[in-house]
C-alpha atoms as a PDB file:
ATOM      1  CA  MET A   1     113.187 127.539 122.127  1.00  0.00           C
ATOM      2  CA  ARG A   2     109.402 127.598 122.444  1.00  0.00           C
ATOM      3  CA  LYS A   3     108.908 128.957 118.941  1.00  0.00           C
ATOM      4  CA  TYR A   4     110.539 125.802 117.564  1.00  0.00           C
ATOM      5  CA  LEU A   5     108.615 123.363 119.748  1.00  0.00           C
ATOM      6  CA  ILE A   6     105.240 123.447 117.963  1.00  0.00           C
ATOM      7  CA  PRO A   7     106.661 123.134 114.419  1.00  0.00           C
ATOM      8  CA  LEU A   8     108.896 120.306 115.622  1.00  0.00           C
ATOM      9  CA  LEU A   9     105.947 118.442 117.158  1.00  0.00           C
ATOM     10  CA  LEU A  10     103.873 118.912 113.986  1.00  0.00           C
ATOM     11  CA  PHE A  11     106.762 117.603 111.902  1.00  0.00           C
ATOM     12  CA  ILE A  12     107.138 114.509 114.113  1.00  0.00           C
ATOM     13  CA  ILE A  13     103.412 113.758 113.947  1.00  0.00           C
ATOM     14  CA  SER A  14     103.344 114.127 110.159  1.00  0.00           C
ATOM     15  CA  MET A  15     106.355 111.845 109.727  1.00  0.00           C
ATOM     16  CA  GLN A  16     104.667 109.051 111.682  1.00  0.00           C
ATOM     17  CA  SER A  17     101.929 108.762 109.069  1.00  0.00           C
ATOM     18  CA  VAL A  18     104.498 108.799 106.253  1.00  0.00           C
ATOM     19  CA  ALA A  19     106.613 106.146 107.969  1.00  0.00           C
ATOM     20  CA  ALA A  20     103.594 103.860 108.268  1.00  0.00           C
ATOM     21  CA  GLY A  21     103.369 103.744 104.462  1.00  0.00           C
ATOM     22  CA  PRO A  22     100.579 102.346 102.312  1.00  0.00           C
ATOM     23  CA  LYS A  23      98.578  99.370 103.522  1.00  0.00           C
ATOM     24  CA  ASP A  24      98.831  95.948 102.011  1.00  0.00           C
ATOM     25  CA  CYS A  25      95.616  94.910 100.226  1.00  0.00           C
ATOM     26  CA  THR A  26      95.236  91.746 102.297  1.00  0.00           C
ATOM     27  CA  GLU A  27      95.582  93.648 105.571  1.00  0.00           C
ATOM     28  CA  LEU A  28      93.100  96.352 104.552  1.00  0.00           C
ATOM     29  CA  PHE A  29      90.700  93.772 103.098  1.00  0.00           C
ATOM     30  CA  ASN A  30      90.674  91.895 106.435  1.00  0.00           C
ATOM     31  CA  GLU A  31      90.163  95.102 108.451  1.00  0.00           C
ATOM     32  CA  ILE A  32      87.195  96.156 106.308  1.00  0.00           C
ATOM     33  CA  SER A  33      85.717  92.656 106.407  1.00  0.00           C
ATOM     34  CA  ASP A  34      85.970  92.591 110.212  1.00  0.00           C
ATOM     35  CA  LYS A  35      84.245  95.979 110.519  1.00  0.00           C
ATOM     36  CA  ILE A  36      81.404  94.902 108.238  1.00  0.00           C
ATOM     37  CA  SER A  37      80.923  91.628 110.124  1.00  0.00           C
ATOM     38  CA  LYS A  38      80.929  93.421 113.505  1.00  0.00           C
ATOM     39  CA  ASN A  39      78.058  95.580 112.221  1.00  0.00           C
ATOM     40  CA  GLY A  40      75.974  92.444 111.715  1.00  0.00           C
ATOM     41  CA  VAL A  41      76.021  92.391 107.909  1.00  0.00           C
ATOM     42  CA  ILE A  42      75.768  88.818 106.654  1.00  0.00           C
ATOM     43  CA  ASP A  43      75.224  88.740 102.890  1.00  0.00           C
ATOM     44  CA  TYR A  44      78.016  90.777 101.336  1.00  0.00           C
ATOM     45  CA  SER A  45      81.142  90.377  99.290  1.00  0.00           C
ATOM     46  CA  LEU A  46      84.386  92.294  98.979  1.00  0.00           C
ATOM     47  CA  TYR A  47      86.536  92.336  95.867  1.00  0.00           C
ATOM     48  CA  VAL A  48      89.965  93.748  95.097  1.00  0.00           C
ATOM     49  CA  TRP A  49      90.025  95.372  91.630  1.00  0.00           C
ATOM     50  CA  PRO A  50      92.621  97.331  89.681  1.00  0.00           C
ATOM     51  CA  VAL A  51      91.728 101.028  89.809  1.00  0.00           C
ATOM     52  CA  GLU A  52      91.428 101.346  86.052  1.00  0.00           C
ATOM     53  CA  GLN A  53      88.855  98.536  85.873  1.00  0.00           C
ATOM     54  CA  THR A  54      85.295  99.793  86.296  1.00  0.00           C
ATOM     55  CA  THR A  55      82.591  97.938  88.181  1.00  0.00           C
ATOM     56  CA  THR A  56      78.864  98.168  87.577  1.00  0.00           C
ATOM     57  CA  THR A  57      77.854  97.158  91.079  1.00  0.00           C
ATOM     58  CA  GLY A  58      79.199  97.857  94.517  1.00  0.00           C
ATOM     59  CA  GLU A  59      80.808 100.705  96.338  1.00  0.00           C
ATOM     60  CA  VAL A  60      84.512 101.473  96.664  1.00  0.00           C
ATOM     61  CA  VAL A  61      85.348 101.284 100.384  1.00  0.00           C
ATOM     62  CA  GLY A  62      89.129 101.503 100.244  1.00  0.00           C
ATOM     63  CA  THR A  63      92.259 101.708  98.147  1.00  0.00           C
ATOM     64  CA  CYS A  64      95.565  99.925  98.629  1.00  0.00           C
ATOM     65  CA  GLU A  65      99.005  99.359  97.103  1.00  0.00           C
ATOM     66  CA  ASN A  66      99.627 103.079  96.585  1.00  0.00           C
ATOM     67  CA  GLY A  67      96.214 103.618  95.024  1.00  0.00           C
ATOM     68  CA  THR A  68      96.660 101.042  92.257  1.00  0.00           C
ATOM     69  CA  LYS A  69      93.903  98.764  93.585  1.00  0.00           C
ATOM     70  CA  LYS A  70      90.490  99.387  95.102  1.00  0.00           C
ATOM     71  CA  ILE A  71      88.354  97.351  97.471  1.00  0.00           C
ATOM     72  CA  VAL A  72      84.733  97.133  96.359  1.00  0.00           C
ATOM     73  CA  TYR A  73      81.841  96.246  98.708  1.00  0.00           C
ATOM     74  CA  HIS A  74      78.642  94.674  97.439  1.00  0.00           C
ATOM     75  CA  LYS A  75      75.697  93.840  99.701  1.00  0.00           C
ATOM     76  CA  PHE A  76      73.286  91.204  98.492  1.00  0.00           C
ATOM     77  CA  PRO A  77      69.568  91.985  98.990  1.00  0.00           C
ATOM     78  CA  LEU A  78      67.612  89.810 101.375  1.00  0.00           C
ATOM     79  CA  PHE A  79      65.071  87.534  99.790  1.00  0.00           C
ATOM     80  CA  GLY A  80      61.580  88.973  99.772  1.00  0.00           C
ATOM     81  CA  THR A  81      62.643  92.620 100.024  1.00  0.00           C
ATOM     82  CA  PRO A  82      61.742  94.970  97.185  1.00  0.00           C
END
């Protein structure tokens, strides 16, 4: 019985992440925005882009809708900083 317990527990844990499924872009966008705001960042923008579209500025901070879209973060420089 014990030899089946650990594989069974690992299977249950792995199925929980599969059952949760991919995140909606709006939900993930709001979570990322909240985290950025809580860190005190003021001048920034987030964009949702199709994965195949390239961006020249910003950093990809998340993907959503089964990896078909990406969330791009761009921080604006403060005035007077080099």
